[in-house]
Amino acid sequence: MNPRQLSARLERVAAHVPHGARLADIGTDHGYLLVALMNRGLISAAVAGEVALTPLRAVERSVREHDLGDRIAVRLADGLAAIEPADRITAISFCGMGGETIRDILARDRARLGGTERLILQPNGGEQPLRQWLMDNGYRILHEELLQENRFFYEIIVAEPGEPTRYSEREMYFGPLLLQTRDPVFVAKWQRLLRLKQQTLAGLARARQGQADEKLEQQVRWIAELLASGDGSARS
């Protein structure tokens, strides 16, 4: 991979890393994000955390190939255990994990957070419970965006410690800031999910002889209302 090029998904994550940050990338993918940002002169120090040895070796190889061993610390560790106080981390990224996994790591390892770090989160699903944790634990959502890369949709959530806005369950399901913009990618994602969830409901109805799945039915209703509304808001 060209060290200055990233996938569209990682480029959007990179865009939310503050200039000069000391960045910890947890569950790093070959260290691509850290290597690119360091080569661009956009971060001052970095920690790459991996829980498994095989991907850790890939990160070490990438860092070594770009002669960044003195600027990117590569550590075999579970979650935020990769971060040490002396690192003075100012931003933390999680990319490609499930939202519930990210939430569980943040909850379990919260004592390792300094209380000022920016969180740049790119969950693969599970966005609602992740937003719920942020709201319940003193984080303010600064930015949300949604992009499509190939046939997949990816959400990015940027949060910092601060007085959180209280959001409804429905807002956390769709993304409170994404609801405000409601761009074409947002609409396309929910159109696809509506079709898939309707198909799932129909299959469940046949298999259970009419037994309802209330949570799934609620989601289908929310999405249908969202897509039917002109301003992107779902009715009560």
Foldseek 3Di string as FASTA:
>chain_A
DPLQDDAPVLVVLLVPQAFQFAEEEEQDQLCSSVSNCVVVNRYQAYEYEDQDDVRLVSVVVSCVVSVNPVGYHYDHDDALVSDDPVSVGAEYEYAEAALVSNLVSCVVVVVSDPQWHKYKYKHPYPQLVNVVSCQVPQKAWDDKDWDDDDHDIIIITIIGGHNYDDDDSLCSVLPVVCLQVVDPRSLVVLVVVLVVLVVVQVVVCVVVVHDGDVVSVVSNQQSVQQNVDPRRHRDD
